[in-house]
C-alpha atoms as a PDB file:
ATOM      1  CA  MET A   1     -16.460  -3.858  -8.805  1.00  0.00           C
ATOM      2  CA  ASN A   2     -17.768  -3.500  -5.131  1.00  0.00           C
ATOM      3  CA  LYS A   3     -16.942  -0.284  -3.168  1.00  0.00           C
ATOM      4  CA  ARG A   4     -15.856  -0.111   0.375  1.00  0.00           C
ATOM      5  CA  ARG A   5     -15.354   2.941   2.610  1.00  0.00           C
ATOM      6  CA  LEU A   6     -12.014   3.477   4.420  1.00  0.00           C
ATOM      7  CA  GLY A   7     -13.540   4.088   7.895  1.00  0.00           C
ATOM      8  CA  LYS A   8     -16.320   6.122   9.078  1.00  0.00           C
ATOM      9  CA  ASN A   9     -15.452   9.344   7.211  1.00  0.00           C
ATOM     10  CA  GLY A  10     -13.016   8.432   4.741  1.00  0.00           C
ATOM     11  CA  PRO A  11     -13.506   8.107   0.889  1.00  0.00           C
ATOM     12  CA  GLU A  12     -15.553   5.463  -0.807  1.00  0.00           C
ATOM     13  CA  VAL A  13     -13.330   3.443  -3.037  1.00  0.00           C
ATOM     14  CA  SER A  14     -13.196   0.167  -5.075  1.00  0.00           C
ATOM     15  CA  ALA A  15     -12.596  -3.059  -2.995  1.00  0.00           C
ATOM     16  CA  LEU A  16      -9.240  -3.383  -4.675  1.00  0.00           C
ATOM     17  CA  GLY A  17      -6.997  -0.481  -5.410  1.00  0.00           C
ATOM     18  CA  LEU A  18      -3.735  -0.344  -7.460  1.00  0.00           C
ATOM     19  CA  GLY A  19      -0.318   0.408  -5.979  1.00  0.00           C
ATOM     20  CA  CYS A  20       1.657   2.343  -8.641  1.00  0.00           C
ATOM     21  CA  MET A  21       5.108   2.267  -6.978  1.00  0.00           C
ATOM     22  CA  GLY A  22       6.474  -0.455  -8.930  1.00  0.00           C
ATOM     23  CA  MET A  23       5.895   1.314 -12.364  1.00  0.00           C
ATOM     24  CA  THR A  24       8.686   3.579 -11.519  1.00  0.00           C
ATOM     25  CA  SER A  25      11.049   2.168  -8.764  1.00  0.00           C
ATOM     26  CA  ALA A  26      11.762  -0.517  -6.221  1.00  0.00           C
ATOM     27  CA  TYR A  27      11.386  -3.641  -8.367  1.00  0.00           C
ATOM     28  CA  GLY A  28      14.076  -2.872 -11.074  1.00  0.00           C
ATOM     29  CA  PRO A  29      14.249  -0.256 -13.794  1.00  0.00           C
ATOM     30  CA  ALA A  30      11.116   2.111 -14.437  1.00  0.00           C
ATOM     31  CA  ALA A  31       8.515   0.529 -16.750  1.00  0.00           C
ATOM     32  CA  ASP A  32       7.685   2.275 -20.095  1.00  0.00           C
ATOM     33  CA  ARG A  33       5.718   5.594 -19.237  1.00  0.00           C
ATOM     34  CA  GLY A  34       3.078   5.032 -22.068  1.00  0.00           C
ATOM     35  CA  GLU A  35       2.323   1.376 -21.358  1.00  0.00           C
ATOM     36  CA  MET A  36       1.881   2.277 -17.572  1.00  0.00           C
ATOM     37  CA  ILE A  37      -0.430   5.030 -18.512  1.00  0.00           C
ATOM     38  CA  ALA A  38      -2.417   2.705 -20.544  1.00  0.00           C
ATOM     39  CA  LEU A  39      -2.388   0.068 -17.576  1.00  0.00           C
ATOM     40  CA  ILE A  40      -3.696   2.550 -15.210  1.00  0.00           C
ATOM     41  CA  ARG A  41      -6.456   3.570 -17.567  1.00  0.00           C
ATOM     42  CA  LYS A  42      -7.369  -0.084 -18.141  1.00  0.00           C
ATOM     43  CA  ALA A  43      -7.585  -0.263 -14.290  1.00  0.00           C
ATOM     44  CA  VAL A  44     -10.145   2.387 -14.269  1.00  0.00           C
ATOM     45  CA  GLU A  45     -11.995   0.601 -17.074  1.00  0.00           C
ATOM     46  CA  ARG A  46     -12.307  -2.370 -14.716  1.00  0.00           C
ATOM     47  CA  GLY A  47     -13.703  -0.662 -11.811  1.00  0.00           C
ATOM     48  CA  VAL A  48     -10.608   0.502 -10.175  1.00  0.00           C
ATOM     49  CA  THR A  49     -11.195   3.753  -8.325  1.00  0.00           C
ATOM     50  CA  PHE A  50      -8.329   3.835  -5.840  1.00  0.00           C
ATOM     51  CA  PHE A  51      -4.637   4.647  -6.847  1.00  0.00           C
ATOM     52  CA  ASP A  52      -1.643   4.793  -4.645  1.00  0.00           C
ATOM     53  CA  THR A  53       1.502   7.018  -5.187  1.00  0.00           C
ATOM     54  CA  ALA A  54       4.015   8.946  -3.396  1.00  0.00           C
ATOM     55  CA  GLU A  55       6.582  11.845  -3.911  1.00  0.00           C
ATOM     56  CA  ALA A  56       9.431   9.259  -2.801  1.00  0.00           C
ATOM     57  CA  TYR A  57       8.618   6.914  -5.917  1.00  0.00           C
ATOM     58  CA  GLY A  58      11.033   8.348  -8.210  1.00  0.00           C
ATOM     59  CA  PRO A  59      11.241  10.708  -6.522  1.00  0.00           C
ATOM     60  CA  PHE A  60       8.481  12.426  -8.138  1.00  0.00           C
ATOM     61  CA  LEU A  61       8.035  10.392 -11.427  1.00  0.00           C
ATOM     62  CA  ASN A  62       5.288   8.215 -10.008  1.00  0.00           C
ATOM     63  CA  GLU A  63       3.226  11.160  -8.960  1.00  0.00           C
ATOM     64  CA  GLU A  64       3.742  12.686 -12.449  1.00  0.00           C
ATOM     65  CA  LEU A  65       2.672   9.416 -14.145  1.00  0.00           C
ATOM     66  CA  VAL A  66      -0.331   8.861 -11.939  1.00  0.00           C
ATOM     67  CA  GLY A  67      -1.507  12.438 -12.648  1.00  0.00           C
ATOM     68  CA  ALA A  68      -0.924  12.074 -16.307  1.00  0.00           C
ATOM     69  CA  ALA A  69      -2.847   8.737 -16.620  1.00  0.00           C
ATOM     70  CA  LEU A  70      -5.812   9.978 -14.226  1.00  0.00           C
ATOM     71  CA  ALA A  71      -6.343  13.447 -15.751  1.00  0.00           C
ATOM     72  CA  PRO A  72      -9.035  12.657 -17.860  1.00  0.00           C
ATOM     73  CA  VAL A  73     -11.081  10.751 -15.230  1.00  0.00           C
ATOM     74  CA  ARG A  74     -10.140  12.854 -12.274  1.00  0.00           C
ATOM     75  CA  ASP A  75     -13.881  12.935 -11.057  1.00  0.00           C
ATOM     76  CA  GLN A  76     -14.064   9.065 -11.084  1.00  0.00           C
ATOM     77  CA  VAL A  77     -11.154   8.336  -8.841  1.00  0.00           C
ATOM     78  CA  VAL A  78      -9.523   8.842  -5.387  1.00  0.00           C
ATOM     79  CA  ILE A  79      -5.645   9.494  -5.508  1.00  0.00           C
ATOM     80  CA  ALA A  80      -3.683   8.711  -2.456  1.00  0.00           C
ATOM     81  CA  THR A  81      -0.055  10.203  -2.058  1.00  0.00           C
ATOM     82  CA  LYS A  82       2.430  10.585   0.839  1.00  0.00           C
ATOM     83  CA  PHE A  83       4.929  13.086   2.529  1.00  0.00           C
ATOM     84  CA  GLY A  84       7.342  12.545   5.159  1.00  0.00           C
ATOM     85  CA  PHE A  85      10.932  11.857   3.494  1.00  0.00           C
ATOM     86  CA  ASP A  86      13.665  14.476   3.349  1.00  0.00           C
ATOM     87  CA  ILE A  87      13.265  15.265  -0.320  1.00  0.00           C
ATOM     88  CA  ASP A  88      14.177  18.785  -1.833  1.00  0.00           C
ATOM     89  CA  GLN A  89      10.969  19.781  -3.772  1.00  0.00           C
ATOM     90  CA  LYS A  90      12.768  21.630  -6.541  1.00  0.00           C
ATOM     91  CA  THR A  91      15.641  19.300  -7.231  1.00  0.00           C
ATOM     92  CA  GLY A  92      14.343  15.970  -6.077  1.00  0.00           C
ATOM     93  CA  GLU A  93      17.479  15.436  -4.033  1.00  0.00           C
ATOM     94  CA  ARG A  94      16.821  12.788  -1.500  1.00  0.00           C
ATOM     95  CA  ARG A  95      18.518  13.070   1.630  1.00  0.00           C
ATOM     96  CA  ALA A  96      18.794  10.545   4.657  1.00  0.00           C
ATOM     97  CA  GLY A  97      15.900  10.204   6.944  1.00  0.00           C
ATOM     98  CA  THR A  98      12.591  11.604   7.539  1.00  0.00           C
ATOM     99  CA  ASN A  99      11.273  15.108   7.397  1.00  0.00           C
ATOM    100  CA  SER A 100       7.503  15.928   8.709  1.00  0.00           C
ATOM    101  CA  ARG A 101       8.173  19.529   9.618  1.00  0.00           C
ATOM    102  CA  PRO A 102       5.068  21.520   9.090  1.00  0.00           C
ATOM    103  CA  GLU A 103       6.478  23.826   6.634  1.00  0.00           C
ATOM    104  CA  HIS A 104       7.927  20.785   4.625  1.00  0.00           C
ATOM    105  CA  ILE A 105       4.441  18.993   4.686  1.00  0.00           C
ATOM    106  CA  ARG A 106       3.042  22.154   3.010  1.00  0.00           C
ATOM    107  CA  ALA A 107       5.712  22.569   0.583  1.00  0.00           C
ATOM    108  CA  VAL A 108       5.166  18.814  -0.408  1.00  0.00           C
ATOM    109  CA  ALA A 109       1.550  19.086  -0.819  1.00  0.00           C
ATOM    110  CA  LEU A 110       1.643  22.138  -3.031  1.00  0.00           C
ATOM    111  CA  ALA A 111       4.236  20.391  -5.351  1.00  0.00           C
ATOM    112  CA  ALA A 112       2.134  17.109  -5.298  1.00  0.00           C
ATOM    113  CA  LEU A 113      -0.916  19.190  -6.431  1.00  0.00           C
ATOM    114  CA  LYS A 114       0.772  20.142  -9.720  1.00  0.00           C
ATOM    115  CA  ARG A 115       2.409  16.769 -10.388  1.00  0.00           C
ATOM    116  CA  LEU A 116      -1.008  14.989  -9.880  1.00  0.00           C
ATOM    117  CA  ARG A 117      -2.926  17.680 -11.775  1.00  0.00           C
ATOM    118  CA  VAL A 118      -5.419  18.043  -9.091  1.00  0.00           C
ATOM    119  CA  GLU A 119      -6.827  20.816  -6.938  1.00  0.00           C
ATOM    120  CA  SER A 120      -6.971  18.807  -3.867  1.00  0.00           C
ATOM    121  CA  ILE A 121      -5.248  15.636  -2.631  1.00  0.00           C
ATOM    122  CA  ASP A 122      -7.765  12.825  -1.865  1.00  0.00           C
ATOM    123  CA  LEU A 123      -5.736  11.038   0.659  1.00  0.00           C
ATOM    124  CA  PHE A 124      -2.478  12.451   2.094  1.00  0.00           C
ATOM    125  CA  TYR A 125      -0.316  10.099   4.143  1.00  0.00           C
ATOM    126  CA  GLN A 126       2.598  10.475   6.500  1.00  0.00           C
ATOM    127  CA  HIS A 127       4.955   7.963   4.784  1.00  0.00           C
ATOM    128  CA  ARG A 128       6.955   7.212   7.827  1.00  0.00           C
ATOM    129  CA  VAL A 129       6.809   8.496  11.283  1.00  0.00           C
ATOM    130  CA  ASP A 130       9.147  11.395  12.062  1.00  0.00           C
ATOM    131  CA  PRO A 131      10.671  10.717  15.491  1.00  0.00           C
ATOM    132  CA  ALA A 132      11.934  14.473  15.451  1.00  0.00           C
ATOM    133  CA  VAL A 133       8.407  15.928  14.974  1.00  0.00           C
ATOM    134  CA  PRO A 134       5.549  15.149  17.482  1.00  0.00           C
ATOM    135  CA  ILE A 135       2.721  13.334  15.588  1.00  0.00           C
ATOM    136  CA  GLU A 136       0.307  16.338  16.900  1.00  0.00           C
ATOM    137  CA  ASP A 137       2.206  18.996  14.840  1.00  0.00           C
ATOM    138  CA  VAL A 138       2.065  16.687  11.926  1.00  0.00           C
ATOM    139  CA  ALA A 139      -1.749  16.201  12.316  1.00  0.00           C
ATOM    140  CA  GLY A 140      -2.181  19.938  12.897  1.00  0.00           C
ATOM    141  CA  ALA A 141      -0.249  20.612   9.585  1.00  0.00           C
ATOM    142  CA  VAL A 142      -2.396  18.370   7.657  1.00  0.00           C
ATOM    143  CA  GLN A 143      -5.588  19.891   9.284  1.00  0.00           C
ATOM    144  CA  ARG A 144      -4.710  23.176   7.941  1.00  0.00           C
ATOM    145  CA  LEU A 145      -4.313  21.880   4.494  1.00  0.00           C
ATOM    146  CA  ILE A 146      -7.603  20.224   4.803  1.00  0.00           C
ATOM    147  CA  GLN A 147      -9.177  23.479   5.970  1.00  0.00           C
ATOM    148  CA  GLU A 148      -7.741  25.323   2.949  1.00  0.00           C
ATOM    149  CA  GLY A 149      -9.214  22.562   0.431  1.00  0.00           C
ATOM    150  CA  LYS A 150      -5.785  21.441  -0.519  1.00  0.00           C
ATOM    151  CA  VAL A 151      -6.228  18.155   1.107  1.00  0.00           C
ATOM    152  CA  LYS A 152      -9.550  15.901   1.719  1.00  0.00           C
ATOM    153  CA  HIS A 153      -8.162  13.325   3.960  1.00  0.00           C
ATOM    154  CA  PHE A 154      -5.402  12.415   6.539  1.00  0.00           C
ATOM    155  CA  GLY A 155      -3.562   9.036   6.531  1.00  0.00           C
ATOM    156  CA  LEU A 156      -0.621   7.451   8.238  1.00  0.00           C
ATOM    157  CA  SER A 157       1.676   4.744   6.985  1.00  0.00           C
ATOM    158  CA  GLU A 158       3.440   2.105   9.123  1.00  0.00           C
ATOM    159  CA  ALA A 159       2.457   3.847  12.240  1.00  0.00           C
ATOM    160  CA  GLY A 160       1.872   2.261  15.656  1.00  0.00           C
ATOM    161  CA  ALA A 161      -1.312   2.107  17.472  1.00  0.00           C
ATOM    162  CA  GLN A 162      -0.592   4.878  19.915  1.00  0.00           C
ATOM    163  CA  THR A 163       0.824   6.970  17.267  1.00  0.00           C
ATOM    164  CA  VAL A 164      -2.578   6.640  15.407  1.00  0.00           C
ATOM    165  CA  ARG A 165      -4.484   7.392  18.602  1.00  0.00           C
ATOM    166  CA  ARG A 166      -2.506  10.826  19.044  1.00  0.00           C
ATOM    167  CA  ALA A 167      -2.930  11.778  15.603  1.00  0.00           C
ATOM    168  CA  HIS A 168      -6.492  10.870  15.530  1.00  0.00           C
ATOM    169  CA  ALA A 169      -7.158  13.086  18.538  1.00  0.00           C
ATOM    170  CA  VAL A 170      -5.989  16.040  16.541  1.00  0.00           C
ATOM    171  CA  GLN A 171      -7.145  15.326  12.928  1.00  0.00           C
ATOM    172  CA  PRO A 172      -9.401  12.315  12.252  1.00  0.00           C
ATOM    173  CA  VAL A 173      -7.459   9.729  10.491  1.00  0.00           C
ATOM    174  CA  ALA A 174      -9.127   8.145   7.552  1.00  0.00           C
ATOM    175  CA  ALA A 175      -7.038   5.425   6.807  1.00  0.00           C
ATOM    176  CA  VAL A 176      -3.761   3.653   7.681  1.00  0.00           C
ATOM    177  CA  GLN A 177      -1.308   1.944   5.369  1.00  0.00           C
ATOM    178  CA  SER A 178       0.754  -0.840   6.535  1.00  0.00           C
ATOM    179  CA  GLU A 179       2.062  -4.085   5.223  1.00  0.00           C
ATOM    180  CA  TYR A 180      -0.195  -6.840   5.844  1.00  0.00           C
ATOM    181  CA  SER A 181      -1.000 -10.252   4.375  1.00  0.00           C
ATOM    182  CA  LEU A 182      -0.309 -13.978   5.106  1.00  0.00           C
ATOM    183  CA  TRP A 183       3.280 -13.146   4.623  1.00  0.00           C
ATOM    184  CA  TYR A 184       3.367 -10.504   7.257  1.00  0.00           C
ATOM    185  CA  ARG A 185       0.451 -10.432  10.068  1.00  0.00           C
ATOM    186  CA  GLY A 186       2.078  -7.877  12.509  1.00  0.00           C
ATOM    187  CA  PRO A 187      -1.094  -5.459  12.271  1.00  0.00           C
ATOM    188  CA  GLU A 188      -3.347  -8.023  13.829  1.00  0.00           C
ATOM    189  CA  ALA A 189      -2.079  -7.936  17.312  1.00  0.00           C
ATOM    190  CA  GLU A 190      -2.719  -4.102  18.194  1.00  0.00           C
ATOM    191  CA  LEU A 191      -3.100  -2.023  15.044  1.00  0.00           C
ATOM    192  CA  LEU A 192      -6.307  -3.625  13.539  1.00  0.00           C
ATOM    193  CA  PRO A 193      -8.213  -3.532  16.796  1.00  0.00           C
ATOM    194  CA  THR A 194      -7.326  -0.010  17.299  1.00  0.00           C
ATOM    195  CA  LEU A 195      -8.564   1.039  13.901  1.00  0.00           C
ATOM    196  CA  GLU A 196     -11.792  -0.834  14.206  1.00  0.00           C
ATOM    197  CA  GLU A 197     -12.421   1.119  17.502  1.00  0.00           C
ATOM    198  CA  LEU A 198     -11.510   4.504  16.149  1.00  0.00           C
ATOM    199  CA  GLY A 199     -13.505   3.852  12.728  1.00  0.00           C
ATOM    200  CA  ILE A 200     -10.336   3.957  10.661  1.00  0.00           C
ATOM    201  CA  GLY A 201      -9.898   2.219   7.335  1.00  0.00           C
ATOM    202  CA  PHE A 202      -6.858  -0.078   6.693  1.00  0.00           C
ATOM    203  CA  VAL A 203      -5.007  -0.298   3.435  1.00  0.00           C
ATOM    204  CA  PRO A 204      -2.601  -3.236   3.099  1.00  0.00           C
ATOM    205  CA  PHE A 205       0.352  -2.579   0.850  1.00  0.00           C
ATOM    206  CA  SER A 206       2.561  -5.455  -0.477  1.00  0.00           C
ATOM    207  CA  PRO A 207      -0.751  -7.694   0.060  1.00  0.00           C
ATOM    208  CA  LEU A 208       1.191 -10.453  -2.221  1.00  0.00           C
ATOM    209  CA  GLY A 209       4.216 -10.474  -0.216  1.00  0.00           C
ATOM    210  CA  ALA A 210       6.113  -8.367  -2.717  1.00  0.00           C
ATOM    211  CA  GLY A 211       5.230 -10.884  -5.335  1.00  0.00           C
ATOM    212  CA  PHE A 212       6.036 -14.054  -3.352  1.00  0.00           C
ATOM    213  CA  LEU A 213       2.444 -15.116  -2.895  1.00  0.00           C
ATOM    214  CA  THR A 214       1.977 -15.303  -6.759  1.00  0.00           C
ATOM    215  CA  GLY A 215       3.702 -18.493  -6.648  1.00  0.00           C
ATOM    216  CA  LYS A 216       5.984 -17.147  -9.563  1.00  0.00           C
ATOM    217  CA  ILE A 217       9.003 -16.618  -7.458  1.00  0.00           C
ATOM    218  CA  ASP A 218      11.149 -19.654  -6.030  1.00  0.00           C
ATOM    219  CA  ASP A 219      14.474 -19.916  -4.451  1.00  0.00           C
ATOM    220  CA  LYS A 220      16.267 -19.824  -7.841  1.00  0.00           C
ATOM    221  CA  THR A 221      14.750 -16.730  -9.035  1.00  0.00           C
ATOM    222  CA  THR A 222      17.073 -13.811  -9.606  1.00  0.00           C
ATOM    223  CA  PHE A 223      16.374 -10.034  -9.318  1.00  0.00           C
ATOM    224  CA  ASP A 224      17.398  -7.175 -11.265  1.00  0.00           C
ATOM    225  CA  LYS A 225      20.232  -5.302  -9.313  1.00  0.00           C
ATOM    226  CA  SER A 226      18.070  -2.336  -8.678  1.00  0.00           C
ATOM    227  CA  ASP A 227      15.363  -4.485  -7.174  1.00  0.00           C
ATOM    228  CA  PHE A 228      14.954  -4.054  -3.354  1.00  0.00           C
ATOM    229  CA  ARG A 229      14.167  -7.535  -2.744  1.00  0.00           C
ATOM    230  CA  ASN A 230      17.857  -8.295  -3.000  1.00  0.00           C
ATOM    231  CA  LEU A 231      18.234  -6.688   0.384  1.00  0.00           C
ATOM    232  CA  VAL A 232      15.279  -8.089   2.149  1.00  0.00           C
ATOM    233  CA  PRO A 233      16.074 -11.119   4.487  1.00  0.00           C
ATOM    234  CA  ARG A 234      13.029 -12.875   3.569  1.00  0.00           C
ATOM    235  CA  PHE A 235      13.743 -13.043  -0.183  1.00  0.00           C
ATOM    236  CA  SER A 236      17.203 -14.681   0.522  1.00  0.00           C
ATOM    237  CA  PRO A 237      17.336 -18.060  -1.578  1.00  0.00           C
ATOM    238  CA  GLU A 238      17.349 -20.136   1.754  1.00  0.00           C
ATOM    239  CA  ALA A 239      14.247 -18.104   3.008  1.00  0.00           C
ATOM    240  CA  ARG A 240      12.458 -18.378  -0.240  1.00  0.00           C
ATOM    241  CA  LYS A 241      12.772 -22.062  -0.277  1.00  0.00           C
ATOM    242  CA  ALA A 242      11.719 -22.458   3.463  1.00  0.00           C
ATOM    243  CA  ASN A 243       8.626 -20.086   2.822  1.00  0.00           C
ATOM    244  CA  GLN A 244       7.232 -21.851  -0.246  1.00  0.00           C
ATOM    245  CA  ALA A 245       5.142 -23.905   2.232  1.00  0.00           C
ATOM    246  CA  LEU A 246       2.760 -20.819   2.364  1.00  0.00           C
ATOM    247  CA  VAL A 247       2.489 -20.613  -1.372  1.00  0.00           C
ATOM    248  CA  ASP A 248       1.766 -24.512  -1.490  1.00  0.00           C
ATOM    249  CA  LEU A 249      -0.978 -23.785   1.187  1.00  0.00           C
ATOM    250  CA  LEU A 250      -2.423 -21.093  -1.071  1.00  0.00           C
ATOM    251  CA  ALA A 251      -2.372 -23.249  -4.151  1.00  0.00           C
ATOM    252  CA  ARG A 252      -4.210 -26.129  -2.445  1.00  0.00           C
ATOM    253  CA  VAL A 253      -7.176 -23.825  -1.512  1.00  0.00           C
ATOM    254  CA  ALA A 254      -7.185 -22.087  -5.079  1.00  0.00           C
ATOM    255  CA  ALA A 255      -7.156 -25.414  -7.115  1.00  0.00           C
ATOM    256  CA  PRO A 256     -10.958 -26.443  -6.524  1.00  0.00           C
ATOM    257  CA  LYS A 257     -12.027 -22.833  -7.030  1.00  0.00           C
ATOM    258  CA  ASN A 258     -10.030 -22.511 -10.485  1.00  0.00           C
ATOM    259  CA  ALA A 259      -8.213 -19.629  -8.770  1.00  0.00           C
ATOM    260  CA  SER A 260      -4.569 -18.597  -8.425  1.00  0.00           C
ATOM    261  CA  PRO A 261      -2.819 -18.537  -5.199  1.00  0.00           C
ATOM    262  CA  ALA A 262      -2.487 -14.539  -5.605  1.00  0.00           C
ATOM    263  CA  GLN A 263      -6.236 -14.600  -5.764  1.00  0.00           C
ATOM    264  CA  ILE A 264      -6.718 -16.599  -2.649  1.00  0.00           C
ATOM    265  CA  ALA A 265      -4.161 -14.283  -0.761  1.00  0.00           C
ATOM    266  CA  LEU A 266      -6.217 -11.148  -1.721  1.00  0.00           C
ATOM    267  CA  ALA A 267      -9.573 -12.759  -1.004  1.00  0.00           C
ATOM    268  CA  TRP A 268      -8.298 -13.671   2.357  1.00  0.00           C
ATOM    269  CA  LEU A 269      -7.435  -9.989   3.209  1.00  0.00           C
ATOM    270  CA  LEU A 270     -10.744  -8.996   1.936  1.00  0.00           C
ATOM    271  CA  ALA A 271     -12.511 -11.466   4.078  1.00  0.00           C
ATOM    272  CA  GLN A 272     -10.758 -10.027   7.183  1.00  0.00           C
ATOM    273  CA  LYS A 273     -12.668  -6.800   7.570  1.00  0.00           C
ATOM    274  CA  PRO A 274     -15.083  -4.710   5.382  1.00  0.00           C
ATOM    275  CA  TRP A 275     -13.054  -1.640   5.818  1.00  0.00           C
ATOM    276  CA  ILE A 276      -9.783  -3.350   4.509  1.00  0.00           C
ATOM    277  CA  VAL A 277      -8.653  -2.241   0.972  1.00  0.00           C
ATOM    278  CA  PRO A 278      -5.430  -3.853  -0.493  1.00  0.00           C
ATOM    279  CA  ILE A 279      -3.526  -2.168  -2.987  1.00  0.00           C
ATOM    280  CA  PRO A 280      -1.682  -4.728  -5.139  1.00  0.00           C
ATOM    281  CA  GLY A 281       0.856  -3.376  -7.631  1.00  0.00           C
ATOM    282  CA  THR A 282       1.748  -4.672 -11.014  1.00  0.00           C
ATOM    283  CA  THR A 283       3.119  -3.446 -14.453  1.00  0.00           C
ATOM    284  CA  LYS A 284       1.361  -6.167 -16.457  1.00  0.00           C
ATOM    285  CA  LEU A 285      -2.191  -6.198 -17.646  1.00  0.00           C
ATOM    286  CA  HIS A 286      -2.729  -9.942 -17.253  1.00  0.00           C
ATOM    287  CA  ARG A 287      -1.476  -9.523 -13.641  1.00  0.00           C
ATOM    288  CA  LEU A 288      -3.852  -6.520 -13.149  1.00  0.00           C
ATOM    289  CA  GLU A 289      -6.854  -8.951 -14.335  1.00  0.00           C
ATOM    290  CA  GLU A 290      -5.779 -11.807 -12.182  1.00  0.00           C
ATOM    291  CA  ASN A 291      -5.686  -9.565  -9.119  1.00  0.00           C
ATOM    292  CA  LEU A 292      -8.973  -7.956  -9.750  1.00  0.00           C
ATOM    293  CA  GLY A 293     -10.513 -11.422 -10.175  1.00  0.00           C
ATOM    294  CA  ALA A 294      -9.790 -12.001  -6.550  1.00  0.00           C
ATOM    295  CA  ALA A 295     -12.841  -9.564  -5.700  1.00  0.00           C
ATOM    296  CA  GLU A 296     -15.242 -12.127  -7.112  1.00  0.00           C
ATOM    297  CA  ILE A 297     -13.821 -15.016  -4.933  1.00  0.00           C
ATOM    298  CA  GLU A 298     -15.671 -15.862  -1.853  1.00  0.00           C
ATOM    299  CA  LEU A 299     -13.920 -17.728   0.764  1.00  0.00           C
ATOM    300  CA  SER A 300     -16.246 -19.858   3.063  1.00  0.00           C
ATOM    301  CA  ALA A 301     -15.845 -20.065   6.773  1.00  0.00           C
ATOM    302  CA  ASP A 302     -14.414 -23.407   6.318  1.00  0.00           C
ATOM    303  CA  ASP A 303     -11.769 -21.840   3.789  1.00  0.00           C
ATOM    304  CA  LEU A 304     -11.046 -19.342   6.221  1.00  0.00           C
ATOM    305  CA  ARG A 305     -10.485 -21.805   9.080  1.00  0.00           C
ATOM    306  CA  GLU A 306      -8.290 -24.076   6.908  1.00  0.00           C
ATOM    307  CA  ILE A 307      -6.088 -21.266   5.818  1.00  0.00           C
ATOM    308  CA  GLY A 308      -5.849 -19.724   9.317  1.00  0.00           C
ATOM    309  CA  ALA A 309      -5.122 -23.265  10.963  1.00  0.00           C
ATOM    310  CA  ALA A 310      -2.620 -24.188   8.270  1.00  0.00           C
ATOM    311  CA  ALA A 311      -0.731 -20.654   8.379  1.00  0.00           C
ATOM    312  CA  ALA A 312      -0.502 -20.912  12.049  1.00  0.00           C
ATOM    313  CA  LYS A 313       1.938 -23.845  11.851  1.00  0.00           C
ATOM    314  CA  LEU A 314       4.163 -22.293   9.480  1.00  0.00           C
ATOM    315  CA  THR A 315       7.030 -20.059  10.650  1.00  0.00           C
ATOM    316  CA  LEU A 316       8.123 -17.848   7.883  1.00  0.00           C
ATOM    317  CA  GLN A 317      11.900 -17.368   7.613  1.00  0.00           C
ATOM    318  CA  GLY A 318      13.590 -13.970   7.347  1.00  0.00           C
ATOM    319  CA  ALA A 319      12.600 -10.477   8.344  1.00  0.00           C
ATOM    320  CA  ARG A 320      10.158  -8.529   6.082  1.00  0.00           C
ATOM    321  CA  LEU A 321      12.361  -5.430   5.741  1.00  0.00           C
ATOM    322  CA  PRO A 322      16.169  -4.775   6.043  1.00  0.00           C
ATOM    323  CA  GLU A 323      17.072  -3.743   9.594  1.00  0.00           C
ATOM    324  CA  SER A 324      17.514  -0.060   8.604  1.00  0.00           C
ATOM    325  CA  LEU A 325      13.975   0.437   7.294  1.00  0.00           C
ATOM    326  CA  LEU A 326      12.445  -1.682  10.075  1.00  0.00           C
ATOM    327  CA  LYS A 327      13.553   0.851  12.473  1.00  0.00           C
ATOM    328  CA  MET A 328      11.317   3.449  10.821  1.00  0.00           C
ATOM    329  CA  THR A 329       8.218   1.570  11.248  1.00  0.00           C
ATOM    330  CA  GLY A 330       5.831   1.633  14.165  1.00  0.00           C
ATOM    331  CA  LEU A 331       5.011  -2.092  14.050  1.00  0.00           C
END
């Protein structure tokens, strides 16, 4: 698989990464641990070198899973994890809200090193901006970890353009991770131009619209009671029915290329900027292979114009997140 560099000074990674959150949380019960370790290692065999996790996924279970899976190939991969929620590092108790106090960031880093079985965290994101802690203090705390060799690169997740600028002025930001796809294009207005100006890479999470852009979800689909999509306005049955037009568009473009809607959605993202690295997640080998196939699809200028013109005529129904979570984003 082709490689891409995250920004001017960030790590070089595979053009598509693997988001590991859904292996232990968010989309229903955790998948079988042994099967997920095997899936992660299959991804490595197929050229994936970029893996995304966080202390909050579990909590801790996802980092432990990723650490176990990648230990034999540590020198071949880039592992990204995150801090920023108020989680007790000893008990795993998750309290409400965020916590990016410098002493907490350090505690999270030291614990994550053990869970990931690494000597240094390749990319350490602030998971959500903490309104109680100046971003300069956050950047300074990560800078000290970098100076100590415990972290290699600093990242931000769901941060707005001005927050990125302030953090970058203290400690260069290698990458920003936020939701971005044809399902949600909010970063295009201000964030992406800022990242291009500053030379920062961009990592779209949920690049398949939490599965909707695969074409395998419709208004009659039911989710496990623990699946977060039950709380998302854009996943109400009425919204899903209205938003099917976007999947139909992707299917029309995909058909003559013998591709799937998911592959076109990912290829579209890859075509936006050479410093964009999507991280689709999955728990199934055939979906992993389908997603990675997107890296081989080239969309022509005509394809991109067709997709852009048709998508511009669509008004997607429903917010991308529950209101309580939207308040925690900078977009």
